[in-house]
Amino acid sequence: MLLISPIFLAPFTPIEAAILRASPCTLGWNCSQDACVAGYTVYYGITGSTVTNRIDARNTNCATFYNLSAGSNYYFYATAYTAAGVESSPTSLVLYRPQAMSTLKMTNPTGAALNLKFQAAPGSLCHVEYTTSLNPPQWQTLSSGTTDTNGNVTISDPLAGDPQSRYYRAALP
């Protein structure tokens, strides 16, 4: 009998969205120690739907999904398979509700400018807004950008040090 360990998803904070493509989602699992395992298959679909999608992850222990809809509830499970195509029992079911955008990450590579990185659906037009005070917030658009084929976008704030305090948020138009 083939055994594989439970699968896991990177943590994201779900947001409500209707008919929006989601930011990329990576599903990972621990590899089986069984020498008969030739690869892994991931099954997924929208909860309550009769349609189940199948992805052959081959001999890797992760799969990235770019075609999910934000705000929909998905289920995922994986199986291991032998060279003859015999599949193991499935892992436990994982439920996930993808968001339209990932969290905003900040890096300061040059010392003065601040890079703001996040993910959204590939090809999405996004923008970053900022305010110097949250009481009351006066949001201004810093810049806009289009995500690359992997859903990544980086927007730079060259004035991050002047004023010294800024609050940021990323948004889809």
C-alpha atoms as a PDB file:
ATOM      1  CA  MET A   1       0.000   0.000   0.000  1.00  0.00           C
ATOM      2  CA  LEU A   2       1.301   3.480  -0.880  1.00  0.00           C
ATOM      3  CA  LEU A   3       1.226   6.117   1.834  1.00  0.00           C
ATOM      4  CA  ILE A   4       1.781   9.843   1.588  1.00  0.00           C
ATOM      5  CA  SER A   5       1.679  12.411   4.344  1.00  0.00           C
ATOM      6  CA  PRO A   6      -0.981  15.128   4.658  1.00  0.00           C
ATOM      7  CA  ILE A   7      -0.837  18.072   2.289  1.00  0.00           C
ATOM      8  CA  PHE A   8      -0.560  21.699   3.357  1.00  0.00           C
ATOM      9  CA  LEU A   9      -1.290  25.150   1.919  1.00  0.00           C
ATOM     10  CA  ALA A  10       0.590  28.364   2.477  1.00  0.00           C
ATOM     11  CA  PRO A  11      -1.471  30.562   4.814  1.00  0.00           C
ATOM     12  CA  PHE A  12      -3.490  33.344   3.207  1.00  0.00           C
ATOM     13  CA  THR A  13      -6.199  35.537   4.642  1.00  0.00           C
ATOM     14  CA  PRO A  14      -9.338  34.959   2.561  1.00  0.00           C
ATOM     15  CA  ILE A  15     -11.238  37.956   1.201  1.00  0.00           C
ATOM     16  CA  GLU A  16     -14.666  38.128  -0.368  1.00  0.00           C
ATOM     17  CA  ALA A  17     -14.586  38.457  -4.145  1.00  0.00           C
ATOM     18  CA  ALA A  18     -16.948  37.603  -6.929  1.00  0.00           C
ATOM     19  CA  ILE A  19     -15.723  36.171 -10.238  1.00  0.00           C
ATOM     20  CA  LEU A  20     -12.170  37.396  -9.688  1.00  0.00           C
ATOM     21  CA  ARG A  21      -9.217  35.235 -10.558  1.00  0.00           C
ATOM     22  CA  ALA A  22      -7.249  34.391  -7.448  1.00  0.00           C
ATOM     23  CA  SER A  23      -3.612  34.973  -6.677  1.00  0.00           C
ATOM     24  CA  PRO A  24      -1.506  31.869  -7.364  1.00  0.00           C
ATOM     25  CA  CYS A  25      -1.928  29.110  -4.774  1.00  0.00           C
ATOM     26  CA  THR A  26       0.762  26.503  -4.062  1.00  0.00           C
ATOM     27  CA  LEU A  27      -0.185  23.145  -2.611  1.00  0.00           C
ATOM     28  CA  GLY A  28       2.580  21.023  -1.095  1.00  0.00           C
ATOM     29  CA  TRP A  29       2.924  17.643   0.566  1.00  0.00           C
ATOM     30  CA  ASN A  30       5.561  15.412   2.124  1.00  0.00           C
ATOM     31  CA  CYS A  31       7.013  12.844  -0.256  1.00  0.00           C
ATOM     32  CA  SER A  32       6.303   9.176   0.355  1.00  0.00           C
ATOM     33  CA  GLN A  33       9.161   7.006   1.589  1.00  0.00           C
ATOM     34  CA  ASP A  34       7.766   4.079  -0.428  1.00  0.00           C
ATOM     35  CA  ALA A  35      10.283   3.121  -3.159  1.00  0.00           C
ATOM     36  CA  CYS A  36       7.400   2.140  -5.482  1.00  0.00           C
ATOM     37  CA  VAL A  37       6.175   5.746  -5.791  1.00  0.00           C
ATOM     38  CA  ALA A  38       6.768   7.130  -9.297  1.00  0.00           C
ATOM     39  CA  GLY A  39       4.822  10.381  -8.859  1.00  0.00           C
ATOM     40  CA  TYR A  40       1.845  12.225  -7.427  1.00  0.00           C
ATOM     41  CA  THR A  41      -1.556  13.301  -8.683  1.00  0.00           C
ATOM     42  CA  VAL A  42      -3.529  16.230  -7.281  1.00  0.00           C
ATOM     43  CA  TYR A  43      -7.299  16.348  -7.550  1.00  0.00           C
ATOM     44  CA  TYR A  44      -9.273  19.534  -6.933  1.00  0.00           C
ATOM     45  CA  GLY A  45     -12.591  21.206  -7.590  1.00  0.00           C
ATOM     46  CA  ILE A  46     -15.116  23.671  -6.279  1.00  0.00           C
ATOM     47  CA  THR A  47     -16.883  22.366  -3.179  1.00  0.00           C
ATOM     48  CA  GLY A  48     -20.331  21.054  -4.077  1.00  0.00           C
ATOM     49  CA  SER A  49     -19.471  20.672  -7.775  1.00  0.00           C
ATOM     50  CA  THR A  50     -19.428  17.335  -9.561  1.00  0.00           C
ATOM     51  CA  VAL A  51     -16.397  18.384 -11.646  1.00  0.00           C
ATOM     52  CA  THR A  52     -13.021  17.194 -10.352  1.00  0.00           C
ATOM     53  CA  ASN A  53      -9.820  18.398 -12.006  1.00  0.00           C
ATOM     54  CA  ARG A  54      -6.691  16.246 -12.104  1.00  0.00           C
ATOM     55  CA  ILE A  55      -3.078  17.410 -12.287  1.00  0.00           C
ATOM     56  CA  ASP A  56      -0.103  15.088 -12.641  1.00  0.00           C
ATOM     57  CA  ALA A  57       2.568  16.607 -10.386  1.00  0.00           C
ATOM     58  CA  ARG A  58       4.999  13.904 -11.553  1.00  0.00           C
ATOM     59  CA  ASN A  59       7.745  13.348  -8.972  1.00  0.00           C
ATOM     60  CA  THR A  60       7.556  16.812  -7.344  1.00  0.00           C
ATOM     61  CA  ASN A  61       5.967  17.495  -3.972  1.00  0.00           C
ATOM     62  CA  CYS A  62       4.060  20.659  -4.909  1.00  0.00           C
ATOM     63  CA  ALA A  63       1.720  22.108  -7.507  1.00  0.00           C
ATOM     64  CA  THR A  64       0.842  25.754  -8.185  1.00  0.00           C
ATOM     65  CA  PHE A  65      -2.660  26.715  -9.318  1.00  0.00           C
ATOM     66  CA  TYR A  66      -3.148  29.874 -11.380  1.00  0.00           C
ATOM     67  CA  ASN A  67      -6.737  29.343 -12.532  1.00  0.00           C
ATOM     68  CA  LEU A  68      -8.745  29.452  -9.297  1.00  0.00           C
ATOM     69  CA  SER A  69     -11.577  31.921  -8.698  1.00  0.00           C
ATOM     70  CA  ALA A  70     -11.291  34.186  -5.670  1.00  0.00           C
ATOM     71  CA  GLY A  71     -14.059  33.695  -3.147  1.00  0.00           C
ATOM     72  CA  SER A  72     -14.931  30.143  -4.260  1.00  0.00           C
ATOM     73  CA  ASN A  73     -14.495  27.218  -1.884  1.00  0.00           C
ATOM     74  CA  TYR A  74     -12.141  24.541  -3.245  1.00  0.00           C
ATOM     75  CA  TYR A  75     -11.212  21.062  -2.111  1.00  0.00           C
ATOM     76  CA  PHE A  76      -7.856  19.370  -2.773  1.00  0.00           C
ATOM     77  CA  TYR A  77      -6.420  15.914  -2.208  1.00  0.00           C
ATOM     78  CA  ALA A  78      -3.417  14.036  -3.529  1.00  0.00           C
ATOM     79  CA  THR A  79      -2.492  10.463  -4.319  1.00  0.00           C
ATOM     80  CA  ALA A  80       0.807   8.746  -5.015  1.00  0.00           C
ATOM     81  CA  TYR A  81       1.107   6.435  -8.002  1.00  0.00           C
ATOM     82  CA  THR A  82       3.392   3.633  -9.160  1.00  0.00           C
ATOM     83  CA  ALA A  83       5.077   3.294 -12.558  1.00  0.00           C
ATOM     84  CA  ALA A  84       2.161   1.032 -13.540  1.00  0.00           C
ATOM     85  CA  GLY A  85      -0.309   3.838 -12.709  1.00  0.00           C
ATOM     86  CA  VAL A  86      -1.742   2.275  -9.549  1.00  0.00           C
ATOM     87  CA  GLU A  87      -2.820   5.071  -7.183  1.00  0.00           C
ATOM     88  CA  SER A  88      -2.706   5.126  -3.400  1.00  0.00           C
ATOM     89  CA  SER A  89      -5.591   6.054  -1.182  1.00  0.00           C
ATOM     90  CA  PRO A  90      -6.140   9.820  -1.192  1.00  0.00           C
ATOM     91  CA  THR A  91      -4.809  12.167   1.467  1.00  0.00           C
ATOM     92  CA  SER A  92      -7.216  13.936   3.749  1.00  0.00           C
ATOM     93  CA  LEU A  93      -9.334  16.555   2.027  1.00  0.00           C
ATOM     94  CA  VAL A  94      -8.034  20.125   2.279  1.00  0.00           C
ATOM     95  CA  LEU A  95     -10.507  22.993   1.936  1.00  0.00           C
ATOM     96  CA  TYR A  96      -9.326  26.400   0.724  1.00  0.00           C
ATOM     97  CA  ARG A  97     -10.931  29.711  -0.226  1.00  0.00           C
ATOM     98  CA  PRO A  98      -8.437  31.663  -2.368  1.00  0.00           C
ATOM     99  CA  GLN A  99      -8.106  35.394  -2.232  1.00  0.00           C
ATOM    100  CA  ALA A 100      -7.713  37.841  -5.103  1.00  0.00           C
ATOM    101  CA  MET A 101      -4.376  39.166  -3.803  1.00  0.00           C
ATOM    102  CA  SER A 102      -1.651  38.012  -1.441  1.00  0.00           C
ATOM    103  CA  THR A 103      -0.380  40.070   1.452  1.00  0.00           C
ATOM    104  CA  LEU A 104       1.904  43.011   0.741  1.00  0.00           C
ATOM    105  CA  LYS A 105       5.601  42.389   1.441  1.00  0.00           C
ATOM    106  CA  MET A 106       8.102  45.222   1.792  1.00  0.00           C
ATOM    107  CA  THR A 107      11.828  45.146   1.064  1.00  0.00           C
ATOM    108  CA  ASN A 108      14.370  47.939   1.090  1.00  0.00           C
ATOM    109  CA  PRO A 109      17.130  46.889  -1.358  1.00  0.00           C
ATOM    110  CA  THR A 110      18.680  50.314  -2.048  1.00  0.00           C
ATOM    111  CA  GLY A 111      18.404  51.934   1.357  1.00  0.00           C
ATOM    112  CA  ALA A 112      16.168  54.810   0.184  1.00  0.00           C
ATOM    113  CA  ALA A 113      13.508  53.249  -2.020  1.00  0.00           C
ATOM    114  CA  LEU A 114      11.030  50.705  -0.701  1.00  0.00           C
ATOM    115  CA  ASN A 115       9.840  47.821  -2.878  1.00  0.00           C
ATOM    116  CA  LEU A 116       6.281  46.608  -2.321  1.00  0.00           C
ATOM    117  CA  LYS A 117       5.714  43.063  -3.608  1.00  0.00           C
ATOM    118  CA  PHE A 118       2.537  41.002  -3.824  1.00  0.00           C
ATOM    119  CA  GLN A 119       0.749  38.458  -5.998  1.00  0.00           C
ATOM    120  CA  ALA A 120      -2.527  38.542  -7.886  1.00  0.00           C
ATOM    121  CA  ALA A 121      -3.858  36.658 -10.891  1.00  0.00           C
ATOM    122  CA  PRO A 122      -1.379  36.731 -13.822  1.00  0.00           C
ATOM    123  CA  GLY A 123      -2.020  39.706 -16.111  1.00  0.00           C
ATOM    124  CA  SER A 124      -3.990  41.680 -13.487  1.00  0.00           C
ATOM    125  CA  LEU A 125      -3.695  45.439 -13.308  1.00  0.00           C
ATOM    126  CA  CYS A 126      -3.032  46.389  -9.661  1.00  0.00           C
ATOM    127  CA  HIS A 127      -2.115  49.523  -7.792  1.00  0.00           C
ATOM    128  CA  VAL A 128      -0.607  50.488  -4.462  1.00  0.00           C
ATOM    129  CA  GLU A 129      -1.991  53.333  -2.409  1.00  0.00           C
ATOM    130  CA  TYR A 130      -0.429  55.076   0.583  1.00  0.00           C
ATOM    131  CA  THR A 131      -1.323  57.485   3.350  1.00  0.00           C
ATOM    132  CA  THR A 132       0.789  59.253   5.950  1.00  0.00           C
ATOM    133  CA  SER A 133      -1.943  59.041   8.582  1.00  0.00           C
ATOM    134  CA  LEU A 134      -4.703  56.604   9.379  1.00  0.00           C
ATOM    135  CA  ASN A 135      -6.679  59.237  11.246  1.00  0.00           C
ATOM    136  CA  PRO A 136      -8.555  59.839   8.885  1.00  0.00           C
ATOM    137  CA  PRO A 137      -6.816  58.083   5.995  1.00  0.00           C
ATOM    138  CA  GLN A 138      -6.213  60.132   2.857  1.00  0.00           C
ATOM    139  CA  TRP A 139      -5.266  57.354   0.398  1.00  0.00           C
ATOM    140  CA  GLN A 140      -3.244  58.386  -2.650  1.00  0.00           C
ATOM    141  CA  THR A 141      -2.205  56.189  -5.562  1.00  0.00           C
ATOM    142  CA  LEU A 142       1.520  55.517  -5.472  1.00  0.00           C
ATOM    143  CA  SER A 143       1.768  53.558  -8.720  1.00  0.00           C
ATOM    144  CA  SER A 144       0.144  50.881 -10.837  1.00  0.00           C
ATOM    145  CA  GLY A 145       1.539  47.689 -12.316  1.00  0.00           C
ATOM    146  CA  THR A 146       0.530  44.546 -14.158  1.00  0.00           C
ATOM    147  CA  THR A 147       1.356  41.150 -12.702  1.00  0.00           C
ATOM    148  CA  ASP A 148       3.726  38.919 -14.651  1.00  0.00           C
ATOM    149  CA  THR A 149       2.936  35.406 -15.912  1.00  0.00           C
ATOM    150  CA  ASN A 150       3.525  34.035 -12.382  1.00  0.00           C
ATOM    151  CA  GLY A 151       1.234  36.613 -10.763  1.00  0.00           C
ATOM    152  CA  ASN A 152       4.052  38.712  -9.233  1.00  0.00           C
ATOM    153  CA  VAL A 153       4.202  42.502  -9.179  1.00  0.00           C
ATOM    154  CA  THR A 154       6.683  44.882  -7.539  1.00  0.00           C
ATOM    155  CA  ILE A 155       6.018  48.584  -7.108  1.00  0.00           C
ATOM    156  CA  SER A 156       8.738  50.864  -5.801  1.00  0.00           C
ATOM    157  CA  ASP A 157       8.259  53.877  -3.516  1.00  0.00           C
ATOM    158  CA  PRO A 158      11.337  56.094  -3.957  1.00  0.00           C
ATOM    159  CA  LEU A 159      10.076  58.532  -1.297  1.00  0.00           C
ATOM    160  CA  ALA A 160       9.533  56.000   1.479  1.00  0.00           C
ATOM    161  CA  GLY A 161      11.917  57.848   3.801  1.00  0.00           C
ATOM    162  CA  ASP A 162      10.213  61.236   3.275  1.00  0.00           C
ATOM    163  CA  PRO A 163       7.882  61.404   5.158  1.00  0.00           C
ATOM    164  CA  GLN A 164       9.163  58.744   7.510  1.00  0.00           C
ATOM    165  CA  SER A 165       5.774  57.198   8.228  1.00  0.00           C
ATOM    166  CA  ARG A 166       3.650  55.707   5.448  1.00  0.00           C
ATOM    167  CA  TYR A 167       0.870  53.140   5.379  1.00  0.00           C
ATOM    168  CA  TYR A 168       0.315  51.062   2.246  1.00  0.00           C
ATOM    169  CA  ARG A 169      -2.412  48.971   0.713  1.00  0.00           C
ATOM    170  CA  ALA A 170      -2.627  47.106  -2.579  1.00  0.00           C
ATOM    171  CA  ALA A 171      -5.803  46.999  -4.615  1.00  0.00           C
ATOM    172  CA  LEU A 172      -7.375  45.797  -7.833  1.00  0.00           C
ATOM    173  CA  PRO A 173      -9.159  48.557  -9.799  1.00  0.00           C
END
